[in-house]
Amino acid sequence: MGLMRRTGNELRAVARAATPTHRRYRDHLTVIVVATIGVDLVCTVLAYFLERHAAGTEIHTLGSAFFWVSSQLLTVSSSIKDPISFGGRALDIFMEAYAITVIAALAGATGAFIQKRGLELDAEAG
């Protein structure tokens, strides 16, 4: 079986929670995604209220706040200037720390899944 087919089969197995290992990995991914969406929405509102009246800011609407926050969480970078206000800067530091933590948690969950799944496949092969 080719690499792409095996990868597709494993992804479908994660989506279906075909085994306890797949279920645990799916649950980890779900928590990470849901938590990140929540953080994104809360930080969008906070960024808007903290920055909208700051002199020199580029965050004037909820849309620009959402763009900046989402860019920070996904890439720890944005085409919009960094925040001007103290609260906005503190929020930026929190989001960068959150993003780094999420990447580490995702890497750990993925590594644990690959290791456990490899042991299961070896046991099945005999």
PDB file of N, CA and C in Angstrom:
ATOM      1  N   MET A   1       0.848  -1.175   0.000  1.00  0.00           N
ATOM      2  CA  MET A   1       0.000   0.000   0.000  1.00  0.00           C
ATOM      3  C   MET A   1       0.893   1.239   0.000  1.00  0.00           C
ATOM      4  N   GLY A   2       0.553   2.212  -0.840  1.00  0.00           N
ATOM      5  CA  GLY A   2       1.364   3.413  -0.963  1.00  0.00           C
ATOM      6  C   GLY A   2       1.230   4.346   0.232  1.00  0.00           C
ATOM      7  N   LEU A   3       2.190   5.231   0.345  1.00  0.00           N
ATOM      8  CA  LEU A   3       2.230   6.184   1.452  1.00  0.00           C
ATOM      9  C   LEU A   3       0.988   7.071   1.481  1.00  0.00           C
ATOM     10  N   MET A   4       0.572   7.568   0.337  1.00  0.00           N
ATOM     11  CA  MET A   4      -0.598   8.451   0.287  1.00  0.00           C
ATOM     12  C   MET A   4      -1.863   7.701   0.705  1.00  0.00           C
ATOM     13  N   ARG A   5      -1.996   6.473   0.254  1.00  0.00           N
ATOM     14  CA  ARG A   5      -3.176   5.686   0.617  1.00  0.00           C
ATOM     15  C   ARG A   5      -3.186   5.392   2.116  1.00  0.00           C
ATOM     16  N   ARG A   6      -2.031   5.010   2.664  1.00  0.00           N
ATOM     17  CA  ARG A   6      -1.944   4.742   4.113  1.00  0.00           C
ATOM     18  C   ARG A   6      -2.264   6.001   4.913  1.00  0.00           C
ATOM     19  N   THR A   7      -1.730   7.130   4.456  1.00  0.00           N
ATOM     20  CA  THR A   7      -1.997   8.398   5.143  1.00  0.00           C
ATOM     21  C   THR A   7      -3.482   8.725   5.104  1.00  0.00           C
ATOM     22  N   GLY A   8      -4.096   8.568   3.944  1.00  0.00           N
ATOM     23  CA  GLY A   8      -5.538   8.798   3.822  1.00  0.00           C
ATOM     24  C   GLY A   8      -6.342   7.881   4.719  1.00  0.00           C
ATOM     25  N   ASN A   9      -5.948   6.604   4.770  1.00  0.00           N
ATOM     26  CA  ASN A   9      -6.645   5.651   5.641  1.00  0.00           C
ATOM     27  C   ASN A   9      -6.524   6.050   7.107  1.00  0.00           C
ATOM     28  N   GLU A  10      -5.338   6.487   7.521  1.00  0.00           N
ATOM     29  CA  GLU A  10      -5.141   6.906   8.915  1.00  0.00           C
ATOM     30  C   GLU A  10      -5.957   8.158   9.231  1.00  0.00           C
ATOM     31  N   LEU A  11      -6.006   9.108   8.296  1.00  0.00           N
ATOM     32  CA  LEU A  11      -6.802  10.318   8.522  1.00  0.00           C
ATOM     33  C   LEU A  11      -8.283   9.987   8.660  1.00  0.00           C
ATOM     34  N   ARG A  12      -8.774   9.088   7.821  1.00  0.00           N
ATOM     35  CA  ARG A  12     -10.175   8.664   7.939  1.00  0.00           C
ATOM     36  C   ARG A  12     -10.409   7.939   9.260  1.00  0.00           C
ATOM     37  N   ALA A  13      -9.445   7.131   9.678  1.00  0.00           N
ATOM     38  CA  ALA A  13      -9.571   6.409  10.946  1.00  0.00           C
ATOM     39  C   ALA A  13      -9.591   7.379  12.126  1.00  0.00           C
ATOM     40  N   VAL A  14      -8.816   8.462  12.042  1.00  0.00           N
ATOM     41  CA  VAL A  14      -8.852   9.482  13.100  1.00  0.00           C
ATOM     42  C   VAL A  14     -10.225  10.145  13.118  1.00  0.00           C
ATOM     43  N   ALA A  15     -10.740  10.513  11.949  1.00  0.00           N
ATOM     44  CA  ALA A  15     -12.056  11.164  11.883  1.00  0.00           C
ATOM     45  C   ALA A  15     -13.158  10.265  12.428  1.00  0.00           C
ATOM     46  N   ARG A  16     -13.062   8.966  12.173  1.00  0.00           N
ATOM     47  CA  ARG A  16     -14.081   8.015  12.638  1.00  0.00           C
ATOM     48  C   ARG A  16     -13.805   7.504  14.040  1.00  0.00           C
ATOM     49  N   ALA A  17     -12.627   7.798  14.587  1.00  0.00           N
ATOM     50  CA  ALA A  17     -12.199   7.247  15.887  1.00  0.00           C
ATOM     51  C   ALA A  17     -12.252   5.724  15.832  1.00  0.00           C
ATOM     52  N   ALA A  18     -11.587   5.168  14.820  1.00  0.00           N
ATOM     53  CA  ALA A  18     -11.644   3.735  14.547  1.00  0.00           C
ATOM     54  C   ALA A  18     -11.086   2.881  15.683  1.00  0.00           C
ATOM     55  N   THR A  19     -10.106   3.385  16.407  1.00  0.00           N
ATOM     56  CA  THR A  19      -9.525   2.657  17.538  1.00  0.00           C
ATOM     57  C   THR A  19      -9.395   3.636  18.706  1.00  0.00           C
ATOM     58  N   PRO A  20      -9.134   3.136  19.906  1.00  0.00           N
ATOM     59  CA  PRO A  20      -8.916   4.065  21.027  1.00  0.00           C
ATOM     60  C   PRO A  20      -7.770   5.054  20.760  1.00  0.00           C
ATOM     61  N   THR A  21      -6.738   4.613  20.068  1.00  0.00           N
ATOM     62  CA  THR A  21      -5.620   5.509  19.743  1.00  0.00           C
ATOM     63  C   THR A  21      -6.076   6.625  18.816  1.00  0.00           C
ATOM     64  N   HIS A  22      -6.841   6.270  17.786  1.00  0.00           N
ATOM     65  CA  HIS A  22      -7.376   7.281  16.873  1.00  0.00           C
ATOM     66  C   HIS A  22      -8.318   8.227  17.612  1.00  0.00           C
ATOM     67  N   ARG A  23      -9.145   7.694  18.513  1.00  0.00           N
ATOM     68  CA  ARG A  23     -10.091   8.522  19.267  1.00  0.00           C
ATOM     69  C   ARG A  23      -9.352   9.531  20.134  1.00  0.00           C
ATOM     70  N   ARG A  24      -8.308   9.070  20.833  1.00  0.00           N
ATOM     71  CA  ARG A  24      -7.545   9.988  21.691  1.00  0.00           C
ATOM     72  C   ARG A  24      -6.924  11.116  20.868  1.00  0.00           C
ATOM     73  N   TYR A  25      -6.362  10.762  19.731  1.00  0.00           N
ATOM     74  CA  TYR A  25      -5.744  11.780  18.880  1.00  0.00           C
ATOM     75  C   TYR A  25      -6.798  12.760  18.365  1.00  0.00           C
ATOM     76  N   ARG A  26      -7.940  12.239  17.922  1.00  0.00           N
ATOM     77  CA  ARG A  26      -9.029  13.110  17.468  1.00  0.00           C
ATOM     78  C   ARG A  26      -9.489  14.026  18.593  1.00  0.00           C
ATOM     79  N   ASP A  27      -9.596  13.486  19.808  1.00  0.00           N
ATOM     80  CA  ASP A  27     -10.009  14.298  20.952  1.00  0.00           C
ATOM     81  C   ASP A  27      -8.999  15.405  21.242  1.00  0.00           C
ATOM     82  N   HIS A  28      -7.707  15.085  21.159  1.00  0.00           N
ATOM     83  CA  HIS A  28      -6.668  16.108  21.358  1.00  0.00           C
ATOM     84  C   HIS A  28      -6.804  17.210  20.307  1.00  0.00           C
ATOM     85  N   LEU A  29      -6.959  16.819  19.055  1.00  0.00           N
ATOM     86  CA  LEU A  29      -7.089  17.803  17.983  1.00  0.00           C
ATOM     87  C   LEU A  29      -8.331  18.662  18.166  1.00  0.00           C
ATOM     88  N   THR A  30      -9.430  18.042  18.583  1.00  0.00           N
ATOM     89  CA  THR A  30     -10.678  18.777  18.790  1.00  0.00           C
ATOM     90  C   THR A  30     -10.517  19.827  19.881  1.00  0.00           C
ATOM     91  N   VAL A  31      -9.911  19.443  20.993  1.00  0.00           N
ATOM     92  CA  VAL A  31      -9.695  20.398  22.088  1.00  0.00           C
ATOM     93  C   VAL A  31      -8.827  21.561  21.614  1.00  0.00           C
ATOM     94  N   ILE A  32      -7.767  21.261  20.889  1.00  0.00           N
ATOM     95  CA  ILE A  32      -6.873  22.317  20.403  1.00  0.00           C
ATOM     96  C   ILE A  32      -7.616  23.270  19.469  1.00  0.00           C
ATOM     97  N   VAL A  33      -8.391  22.734  18.535  1.00  0.00           N
ATOM     98  CA  VAL A  33      -9.107  23.570  17.568  1.00  0.00           C
ATOM     99  C   VAL A  33     -10.175  24.412  18.261  1.00  0.00           C
ATOM    100  N   VAL A  34     -10.988  23.798  19.116  1.00  0.00           N
ATOM    101  CA  VAL A  34     -12.064  24.531  19.794  1.00  0.00           C
ATOM    102  C   VAL A  34     -11.487  25.612  20.712  1.00  0.00           C
ATOM    103  N   ALA A  35     -10.452  25.271  21.465  1.00  0.00           N
ATOM    104  CA  ALA A  35      -9.830  26.262  22.354  1.00  0.00           C
ATOM    105  C   ALA A  35      -9.249  27.422  21.550  1.00  0.00           C
ATOM    106  N   THR A  36      -8.625  27.121  20.426  1.00  0.00           N
ATOM    107  CA  THR A  36      -8.017  28.175  19.611  1.00  0.00           C
ATOM    108  C   THR A  36      -9.078  29.075  18.988  1.00  0.00           C
ATOM    109  N   ILE A  37     -10.183  28.515  18.565  1.00  0.00           N
ATOM    110  CA  ILE A  37     -11.281  29.346  18.045  1.00  0.00           C
ATOM    111  C   ILE A  37     -11.799  30.264  19.150  1.00  0.00           C
ATOM    112  N   GLY A  38     -11.974  29.727  20.348  1.00  0.00           N
ATOM    113  CA  GLY A  38     -12.422  30.543  21.478  1.00  0.00           C
ATOM    114  C   GLY A  38     -11.438  31.653  21.801  1.00  0.00           C
ATOM    115  N   VAL A  39     -10.151  31.323  21.853  1.00  0.00           N
ATOM    116  CA  VAL A  39      -9.117  32.330  22.124  1.00  0.00           C
ATOM    117  C   VAL A  39      -9.127  33.385  21.024  1.00  0.00           C
ATOM    118  N   ASP A  40      -9.271  32.970  19.787  1.00  0.00           N
ATOM    119  CA  ASP A  40      -9.304  33.898  18.658  1.00  0.00           C
ATOM    120  C   ASP A  40     -10.457  34.893  18.816  1.00  0.00           C
ATOM    121  N   LEU A  41     -11.641  34.395  19.127  1.00  0.00           N
ATOM    122  CA  LEU A  41     -12.806  35.278  19.252  1.00  0.00           C
ATOM    123  C   LEU A  41     -12.680  36.229  20.438  1.00  0.00           C
ATOM    124  N   VAL A  42     -12.269  35.714  21.593  1.00  0.00           N
ATOM    125  CA  VAL A  42     -12.115  36.562  22.782  1.00  0.00           C
ATOM    126  C   VAL A  42     -11.027  37.611  22.549  1.00  0.00           C
ATOM    127  N   CYS A  43      -9.904  37.196  21.995  1.00  0.00           N
ATOM    128  CA  CYS A  43      -8.806  38.133  21.747  1.00  0.00           C
ATOM    129  C   CYS A  43      -9.169  39.160  20.681  1.00  0.00           C
ATOM    130  N   THR A  44     -10.023  38.794  19.735  1.00  0.00           N
ATOM    131  CA  THR A  44     -10.489  39.756  18.732  1.00  0.00           C
ATOM    132  C   THR A  44     -11.231  40.899  19.404  1.00  0.00           C
ATOM    133  N   VAL A  45     -12.158  40.562  20.282  1.00  0.00           N
ATOM    134  CA  VAL A  45     -12.935  41.587  20.989  1.00  0.00           C
ATOM    135  C   VAL A  45     -12.011  42.435  21.870  1.00  0.00           C
ATOM    136  N   LEU A  46     -11.109  41.771  22.592  1.00  0.00           N
ATOM    137  CA  LEU A  46     -10.173  42.506  23.448  1.00  0.00           C
ATOM    138  C   LEU A  46      -9.286  43.440  22.627  1.00  0.00           C
ATOM    139  N   ALA A  47      -8.742  42.945  21.531  1.00  0.00           N
ATOM    140  CA  ALA A  47      -7.872  43.772  20.689  1.00  0.00           C
ATOM    141  C   ALA A  47      -8.632  44.981  20.160  1.00  0.00           C
ATOM    142  N   TYR A  48      -9.863  44.772  19.752  1.00  0.00           N
ATOM    143  CA  TYR A  48     -10.673  45.877  19.232  1.00  0.00           C
ATOM    144  C   TYR A  48     -10.864  46.954  20.296  1.00  0.00           C
ATOM    145  N   PHE A  49     -11.276  46.555  21.488  1.00  0.00           N
ATOM    146  CA  PHE A  49     -11.531  47.543  22.535  1.00  0.00           C
ATOM    147  C   PHE A  49     -10.247  48.164  23.086  1.00  0.00           C
ATOM    148  N   LEU A  50      -9.160  47.428  23.084  1.00  0.00           N
ATOM    149  CA  LEU A  50      -7.895  47.973  23.587  1.00  0.00           C
ATOM    150  C   LEU A  50      -7.220  48.909  22.587  1.00  0.00           C
ATOM    151  N   GLU A  51      -7.398  48.657  21.305  1.00  0.00           N
ATOM    152  CA  GLU A  51      -6.628  49.372  20.286  1.00  0.00           C
ATOM    153  C   GLU A  51      -7.404  50.401  19.476  1.00  0.00           C
ATOM    154  N   ARG A  52      -8.703  50.317  19.404  1.00  0.00           N
ATOM    155  CA  ARG A  52      -9.453  51.115  18.425  1.00  0.00           C
ATOM    156  C   ARG A  52      -9.230  52.621  18.540  1.00  0.00           C
ATOM    157  N   HIS A  53      -8.961  53.132  19.746  1.00  0.00           N
ATOM    158  CA  HIS A  53      -8.766  54.573  19.908  1.00  0.00           C
ATOM    159  C   HIS A  53      -7.302  54.957  20.108  1.00  0.00           C
ATOM    160  N   ALA A  54      -6.398  53.992  20.072  1.00  0.00           N
ATOM    161  CA  ALA A  54      -4.972  54.296  20.262  1.00  0.00           C
ATOM    162  C   ALA A  54      -4.439  55.040  19.035  1.00  0.00           C
ATOM    163  N   ALA A  55      -3.671  56.085  19.292  1.00  0.00           N
ATOM    164  CA  ALA A  55      -3.100  56.870  18.194  1.00  0.00           C
ATOM    165  C   ALA A  55      -2.102  56.018  17.409  1.00  0.00           C
ATOM    166  N   GLY A  56      -2.260  55.994  16.093  1.00  0.00           N
ATOM    167  CA  GLY A  56      -1.323  55.275  15.238  1.00  0.00           C
ATOM    168  C   GLY A  56      -1.635  53.801  15.036  1.00  0.00           C
ATOM    169  N   THR A  57      -2.716  53.321  15.624  1.00  0.00           N
ATOM    170  CA  THR A  57      -3.058  51.908  15.472  1.00  0.00           C
ATOM    171  C   THR A  57      -3.668  51.640  14.100  1.00  0.00           C
ATOM    172  N   GLU A  58      -3.577  50.419  13.654  1.00  0.00           N
ATOM    173  CA  GLU A  58      -4.233  50.008  12.408  1.00  0.00           C
ATOM    174  C   GLU A  58      -5.466  49.164  12.698  1.00  0.00           C
ATOM    175  N   ILE A  59      -5.788  48.990  13.955  1.00  0.00           N
ATOM    176  CA  ILE A  59      -6.962  48.196  14.344  1.00  0.00           C
ATOM    177  C   ILE A  59      -8.088  49.159  14.696  1.00  0.00           C
ATOM    178  N   HIS A  60      -9.037  49.329  13.750  1.00  0.00           N
ATOM    179  CA  HIS A  60     -10.147  50.260  13.944  1.00  0.00           C
ATOM    180  C   HIS A  60     -11.504  49.573  13.903  1.00  0.00           C
ATOM    181  N   THR A  61     -11.550  48.344  13.393  1.00  0.00           N
ATOM    182  CA  THR A  61     -12.815  47.617  13.274  1.00  0.00           C
ATOM    183  C   THR A  61     -12.648  46.217  13.848  1.00  0.00           C
ATOM    184  N   LEU A  62     -13.777  45.555  14.095  1.00  0.00           N
ATOM    185  CA  LEU A  62     -13.701  44.157  14.535  1.00  0.00           C
ATOM    186  C   LEU A  62     -13.052  43.292  13.462  1.00  0.00           C
ATOM    187  N   GLY A  63     -13.285  43.631  12.205  1.00  0.00           N
ATOM    188  CA  GLY A  63     -12.671  42.876  11.108  1.00  0.00           C
ATOM    189  C   GLY A  63     -11.155  42.973  11.121  1.00  0.00           C
ATOM    190  N   SER A  64     -10.637  44.187  11.313  1.00  0.00           N
ATOM    191  CA  SER A  64      -9.177  44.327  11.355  1.00  0.00           C
ATOM    192  C   SER A  64      -8.612  43.682  12.614  1.00  0.00           C
ATOM    193  N   ALA A  65      -9.361  43.732  13.721  1.00  0.00           N
ATOM    194  CA  ALA A  65      -8.919  43.057  14.951  1.00  0.00           C
ATOM    195  C   ALA A  65      -8.886  41.547  14.735  1.00  0.00           C
ATOM    196  N   PHE A  66      -9.927  41.009  14.085  1.00  0.00           N
ATOM    197  CA  PHE A  66      -9.980  39.572  13.815  1.00  0.00           C
ATOM    198  C   PHE A  66      -8.828  39.151  12.903  1.00  0.00           C
ATOM    199  N   PHE A  67      -8.558  39.952  11.874  1.00  0.00           N
ATOM    200  CA  PHE A  67      -7.452  39.646  10.967  1.00  0.00           C
ATOM    201  C   PHE A  67      -6.129  39.634  11.724  1.00  0.00           C
ATOM    202  N   TRP A  68      -5.888  40.658  12.541  1.00  0.00           N
ATOM    203  CA  TRP A  68      -4.627  40.746  13.275  1.00  0.00           C
ATOM    204  C   TRP A  68      -4.486  39.585  14.249  1.00  0.00           C
ATOM    205  N   VAL A  69      -5.538  39.314  15.031  1.00  0.00           N
ATOM    206  CA  VAL A  69      -5.477  38.234  16.024  1.00  0.00           C
ATOM    207  C   VAL A  69      -5.262  36.890  15.334  1.00  0.00           C
ATOM    208  N   SER A  70      -6.033  36.618  14.295  1.00  0.00           N
ATOM    209  CA  SER A  70      -5.899  35.336  13.592  1.00  0.00           C
ATOM    210  C   SER A  70      -4.509  35.182  12.991  1.00  0.00           C
ATOM    211  N   SER A  71      -3.978  36.256  12.418  1.00  0.00           N
ATOM    212  CA  SER A  71      -2.621  36.214  11.865  1.00  0.00           C
ATOM    213  C   SER A  71      -1.597  35.940  12.952  1.00  0.00           C
ATOM    214  N   GLN A  72      -1.770  36.571  14.102  1.00  0.00           N
ATOM    215  CA  GLN A  72      -0.835  36.353  15.206  1.00  0.00           C
ATOM    216  C   GLN A  72      -0.892  34.908  15.691  1.00  0.00           C
ATOM    217  N   LEU A  73      -2.088  34.360  15.809  1.00  0.00           N
ATOM    218  CA  LEU A  73      -2.221  32.990  16.307  1.00  0.00           C
ATOM    219  C   LEU A  73      -1.711  31.962  15.304  1.00  0.00           C
ATOM    220  N   LEU A  74      -1.888  32.231  14.027  1.00  0.00           N
ATOM    221  CA  LEU A  74      -1.495  31.258  13.007  1.00  0.00           C
ATOM    222  C   LEU A  74      -0.030  31.368  12.606  1.00  0.00           C
ATOM    223  N   THR A  75       0.512  32.580  12.632  1.00  0.00           N
ATOM    224  CA  THR A  75       1.867  32.762  12.118  1.00  0.00           C
ATOM    225  C   THR A  75       2.781  33.531  13.062  1.00  0.00           C
ATOM    226  N   VAL A  76       2.263  34.007  14.166  1.00  0.00           N
ATOM    227  CA  VAL A  76       2.979  34.886  15.093  1.00  0.00           C
ATOM    228  C   VAL A  76       3.554  36.073  14.307  1.00  0.00           C
ATOM    229  N   SER A  77       2.749  36.566  13.367  1.00  0.00           N
ATOM    230  CA  SER A  77       3.142  37.689  12.530  1.00  0.00           C
ATOM    231  C   SER A  77       1.889  38.229  11.857  1.00  0.00           C
ATOM    232  N   SER A  78       1.944  39.467  11.407  1.00  0.00           N
ATOM    233  CA  SER A  78       0.813  40.049  10.708  1.00  0.00           C
ATOM    234  C   SER A  78       1.304  41.207   9.861  1.00  0.00           C
ATOM    235  N   SER A  79       0.542  41.525   8.811  1.00  0.00           N
ATOM    236  CA  SER A  79       0.888  42.687   8.002  1.00  0.00           C
ATOM    237  C   SER A  79       0.431  43.974   8.683  1.00  0.00           C
ATOM    238  N   ILE A  80      -0.430  43.845   9.697  1.00  0.00           N
ATOM    239  CA  ILE A  80      -0.852  45.003  10.488  1.00  0.00           C
ATOM    240  C   ILE A  80       0.218  45.262  11.541  1.00  0.00           C
ATOM    241  N   LYS A  81       0.487  46.543  11.794  1.00  0.00           N
ATOM    242  CA  LYS A  81       1.490  46.908  12.804  1.00  0.00           C
ATOM    243  C   LYS A  81       1.126  46.315  14.160  1.00  0.00           C
ATOM    244  N   ASP A  82       2.155  46.080  14.964  1.00  0.00           N
ATOM    245  CA  ASP A  82       1.925  45.594  16.324  1.00  0.00           C
ATOM    246  C   ASP A  82       1.116  46.621  17.109  1.00  0.00           C
ATOM    247  N   PRO A  83       0.454  46.172  18.174  1.00  0.00           N
ATOM    248  CA  PRO A  83      -0.398  47.078  18.948  1.00  0.00           C
ATOM    249  C   PRO A  83       0.389  48.251  19.546  1.00  0.00           C
ATOM    250  N   ILE A  84      -0.343  49.315  19.796  1.00  0.00           N
ATOM    251  CA  ILE A  84       0.228  50.539  20.340  1.00  0.00           C
ATOM    252  C   ILE A  84       0.021  50.606  21.855  1.00  0.00           C
ATOM    253  N   SER A  85      -1.167  50.245  22.314  1.00  0.00           N
ATOM    254  CA  SER A  85      -1.506  50.388  23.735  1.00  0.00           C
ATOM    255  C   SER A  85      -0.809  49.319  24.580  1.00  0.00           C
ATOM    256  N   PHE A  86      -0.665  49.615  25.871  1.00  0.00           N
ATOM    257  CA  PHE A  86      -0.069  48.641  26.792  1.00  0.00           C
ATOM    258  C   PHE A  86      -0.903  47.361  26.812  1.00  0.00           C
ATOM    259  N   GLY A  87      -2.228  47.499  26.898  1.00  0.00           N
ATOM    260  CA  GLY A  87      -3.101  46.324  26.914  1.00  0.00           C
ATOM    261  C   GLY A  87      -2.983  45.505  25.643  1.00  0.00           C
ATOM    262  N   GLY A  88      -2.888  46.190  24.507  1.00  0.00           N
ATOM    263  CA  GLY A  88      -2.722  45.493  23.235  1.00  0.00           C
ATOM    264  C   GLY A  88      -1.410  44.736  23.159  1.00  0.00           C
ATOM    265  N   ARG A  89      -0.368  45.333  23.691  1.00  0.00           N
ATOM    266  CA  ARG A  89       0.941  44.661  23.699  1.00  0.00           C
ATOM    267  C   ARG A  89       0.931  43.449  24.626  1.00  0.00           C
ATOM    268  N   ALA A  90       0.284  43.600  25.786  1.00  0.00           N
ATOM    269  CA  ALA A  90       0.169  42.461  26.710  1.00  0.00           C
ATOM    270  C   ALA A  90      -0.628  41.336  26.054  1.00  0.00           C
ATOM    271  N   LEU A  91      -1.701  41.695  25.349  1.00  0.00           N
ATOM    272  CA  LEU A  91      -2.504  40.704  24.630  1.00  0.00           C
ATOM    273  C   LEU A  91      -1.658  40.007  23.565  1.00  0.00           C
ATOM    274  N   ASP A  92      -0.842  40.765  22.867  1.00  0.00           N
ATOM    275  CA  ASP A  92       0.038  40.203  21.840  1.00  0.00           C
ATOM    276  C   ASP A  92       0.991  39.175  22.444  1.00  0.00           C
ATOM    277  N   ILE A  93       1.583  39.492  23.579  1.00  0.00           N
ATOM    278  CA  ILE A  93       2.496  38.552  24.245  1.00  0.00           C
ATOM    279  C   ILE A  93       1.753  37.290  24.661  1.00  0.00           C
ATOM    280  N   PHE A  94       0.546  37.456  25.214  1.00  0.00           N
ATOM    281  CA  PHE A  94      -0.258  36.287  25.594  1.00  0.00           C
ATOM    282  C   PHE A  94      -0.528  35.407  24.381  1.00  0.00           C
ATOM    283  N   MET A  95      -0.938  36.023  23.268  1.00  0.00           N
ATOM    284  CA  MET A  95      -1.273  35.234  22.077  1.00  0.00           C
ATOM    285  C   MET A  95      -0.050  34.519  21.513  1.00  0.00           C
ATOM    286  N   GLU A  96       1.103  35.162  21.540  1.00  0.00           N
ATOM    287  CA  GLU A  96       2.310  34.505  21.052  1.00  0.00           C
ATOM    288  C   GLU A  96       2.670  33.314  21.939  1.00  0.00           C
ATOM    289  N   ALA A  97       2.543  33.489  23.253  1.00  0.00           N
ATOM    290  CA  ALA A  97       2.810  32.374  24.174  1.00  0.00           C
ATOM    291  C   ALA A  97       1.802  31.248  23.948  1.00  0.00           C
ATOM    292  N   TYR A  98       0.535  31.607  23.728  1.00  0.00           N
ATOM    293  CA  TYR A  98      -0.496  30.601  23.464  1.00  0.00           C
ATOM    294  C   TYR A  98      -0.167  29.838  22.181  1.00  0.00           C
ATOM    295  N   ALA A  99       0.192  30.562  21.127  1.00  0.00           N
ATOM    296  CA  ALA A  99       0.482  29.921  19.841  1.00  0.00           C
ATOM    297  C   ALA A  99       1.652  28.950  19.963  1.00  0.00           C
ATOM    298  N   ILE A 100       2.696  29.348  20.669  1.00  0.00           N
ATOM    299  CA  ILE A 100       3.850  28.462  20.853  1.00  0.00           C
ATOM    300  C   ILE A 100       3.449  27.231  21.654  1.00  0.00           C
ATOM    301  N   THR A 101       2.636  27.426  22.691  1.00  0.00           N
ATOM    302  CA  THR A 101       2.174  26.308  23.518  1.00  0.00           C
ATOM    303  C   THR A 101       1.317  25.344  22.705  1.00  0.00           C
ATOM    304  N   VAL A 102       0.445  25.879  21.868  1.00  0.00           N
ATOM    305  CA  VAL A 102      -0.423  25.030  21.041  1.00  0.00           C
ATOM    306  C   VAL A 102       0.406  24.218  20.053  1.00  0.00           C
ATOM    307  N   ILE A 103       1.390  24.837  19.437  1.00  0.00           N
ATOM    308  CA  ILE A 103       2.243  24.102  18.498  1.00  0.00           C
ATOM    309  C   ILE A 103       2.979  22.984  19.222  1.00  0.00           C
ATOM    310  N   ALA A 104       3.482  23.268  20.424  1.00  0.00           N
ATOM    311  CA  ALA A 104       4.172  22.230  21.198  1.00  0.00           C
ATOM    312  C   ALA A 104       3.214  21.103  21.571  1.00  0.00           C
ATOM    313  N   ALA A 105       1.994  21.455  21.989  1.00  0.00           N
ATOM    314  CA  ALA A 105       1.003  20.433  22.347  1.00  0.00           C
ATOM    315  C   ALA A 105       0.610  19.607  21.125  1.00  0.00           C
ATOM    316  N   LEU A 106       0.445  20.266  19.991  1.00  0.00           N
ATOM    317  CA  LEU A 106       0.097  19.564  18.758  1.00  0.00           C
ATOM    318  C   LEU A 106       1.221  18.628  18.330  1.00  0.00           C
ATOM    319  N   ALA A 107       2.447  19.097  18.427  1.00  0.00           N
ATOM    320  CA  ALA A 107       3.591  18.249  18.079  1.00  0.00           C
ATOM    321  C   ALA A 107       3.676  17.051  19.017  1.00  0.00           C
ATOM    322  N   GLY A 108       3.453  17.280  20.300  1.00  0.00           N
ATOM    323  CA  GLY A 108       3.486  16.181  21.269  1.00  0.00           C
ATOM    324  C   GLY A 108       2.395  15.165  21.017  1.00  0.00           C
ATOM    325  N   ALA A 109       1.171  15.645  20.771  1.00  0.00           N
ATOM    326  CA  ALA A 109       0.051  14.737  20.508  1.00  0.00           C
ATOM    327  C   ALA A 109       0.293  13.942  19.230  1.00  0.00           C
ATOM    328  N   THR A 110       0.811  14.607  18.205  1.00  0.00           N
ATOM    329  CA  THR A 110       1.078  13.925  16.940  1.00  0.00           C
ATOM    330  C   THR A 110       2.194  12.900  17.100  1.00  0.00           C
ATOM    331  N   GLY A 111       3.253  13.267  17.800  1.00  0.00           N
ATOM    332  CA  GLY A 111       4.347  12.324  18.043  1.00  0.00           C
ATOM    333  C   GLY A 111       3.892  11.109  18.828  1.00  0.00           C
ATOM    334  N   ALA A 112       3.088  11.338  19.864  1.00  0.00           N
ATOM    335  CA  ALA A 112       2.572  10.226  20.669  1.00  0.00           C
ATOM    336  C   ALA A 112       1.677   9.322  19.824  1.00  0.00           C
ATOM    337  N   PHE A 113       0.846   9.924  18.975  1.00  0.00           N
ATOM    338  CA  PHE A 113      -0.035   9.142  18.111  1.00  0.00           C
ATOM    339  C   PHE A 113       0.784   8.289  17.143  1.00  0.00           C
ATOM    340  N   ILE A 114       1.770   8.898  16.501  1.00  0.00           N
ATOM    341  CA  ILE A 114       2.589   8.164  15.530  1.00  0.00           C
ATOM    342  C   ILE A 114       3.312   7.005  16.210  1.00  0.00           C
ATOM    343  N   GLN A 115       3.868   7.247  17.382  1.00  0.00           N
ATOM    344  CA  GLN A 115       4.574   6.195  18.118  1.00  0.00           C
ATOM    345  C   GLN A 115       3.626   5.056  18.489  1.00  0.00           C
ATOM    346  N   LYS A 116       2.491   5.382  19.079  1.00  0.00           N
ATOM    347  CA  LYS A 116       1.530   4.359  19.517  1.00  0.00           C
ATOM    348  C   LYS A 116       0.980   3.601  18.314  1.00  0.00           C
ATOM    349  N   ARG A 117       0.644   4.328  17.262  1.00  0.00           N
ATOM    350  CA  ARG A 117       0.088   3.682  16.070  1.00  0.00           C
ATOM    351  C   ARG A 117       1.126   2.779  15.423  1.00  0.00           C
ATOM    352  N   GLY A 118       2.383   3.200  15.414  1.00  0.00           N
ATOM    353  CA  GLY A 118       3.451   2.358  14.874  1.00  0.00           C
ATOM    354  C   GLY A 118       3.583   1.055  15.637  1.00  0.00           C
ATOM    355  N   LEU A 119       3.494   1.125  16.964  1.00  0.00           N
ATOM    356  CA  LEU A 119       3.547  -0.094  17.779  1.00  0.00           C
ATOM    357  C   LEU A 119       2.357  -1.004  17.481  1.00  0.00           C
ATOM    358  N   GLU A 120       1.177  -0.402  17.305  1.00  0.00           N
ATOM    359  CA  GLU A 120      -0.010  -1.201  16.977  1.00  0.00           C
ATOM    360  C   GLU A 120       0.149  -1.888  15.623  1.00  0.00           C
ATOM    361  N   LEU A 121       0.648  -1.163  14.633  1.00  0.00           N
ATOM    362  CA  LEU A 121       0.824  -1.748  13.300  1.00  0.00           C
ATOM    363  C   LEU A 121       1.881  -2.844  13.317  1.00  0.00           C
ATOM    364  N   ASP A 122       2.950  -2.646  14.093  1.00  0.00           N
ATOM    365  CA  ASP A 122       3.974  -3.690  14.230  1.00  0.00           C
ATOM    366  C   ASP A 122       3.388  -4.944  14.867  1.00  0.00           C
ATOM    367  N   ALA A 123       2.545  -4.766  15.880  1.00  0.00           N
ATOM    368  CA  ALA A 123       1.920  -5.908  16.555  1.00  0.00           C
ATOM    369  C   ALA A 123       0.972  -6.643  15.605  1.00  0.00           C
ATOM    370  N   GLU A 124       0.245  -5.888  14.766  1.00  0.00           N
ATOM    371  CA  GLU A 124      -0.664  -6.506  13.797  1.00  0.00           C
ATOM    372  C   GLU A 124       0.107  -7.302  12.747  1.00  0.00           C
ATOM    373  N   ALA A 125       1.282  -6.801  12.371  1.00  0.00           N
ATOM    374  CA  ALA A 125       2.088  -7.463  11.341  1.00  0.00           C
ATOM    375  C   ALA A 125       2.708  -8.761  11.861  1.00  0.00           C
ATOM    376  N   GLY A 126       2.763  -8.869  13.173  1.00  0.00           N
ATOM    377  CA  GLY A 126       3.229 -10.113  13.771  1.00  0.00           C
ATOM    378  C   GLY A 126       4.641 -10.069  14.124  1.00  0.00           C
TER     379      GLY A 126
END
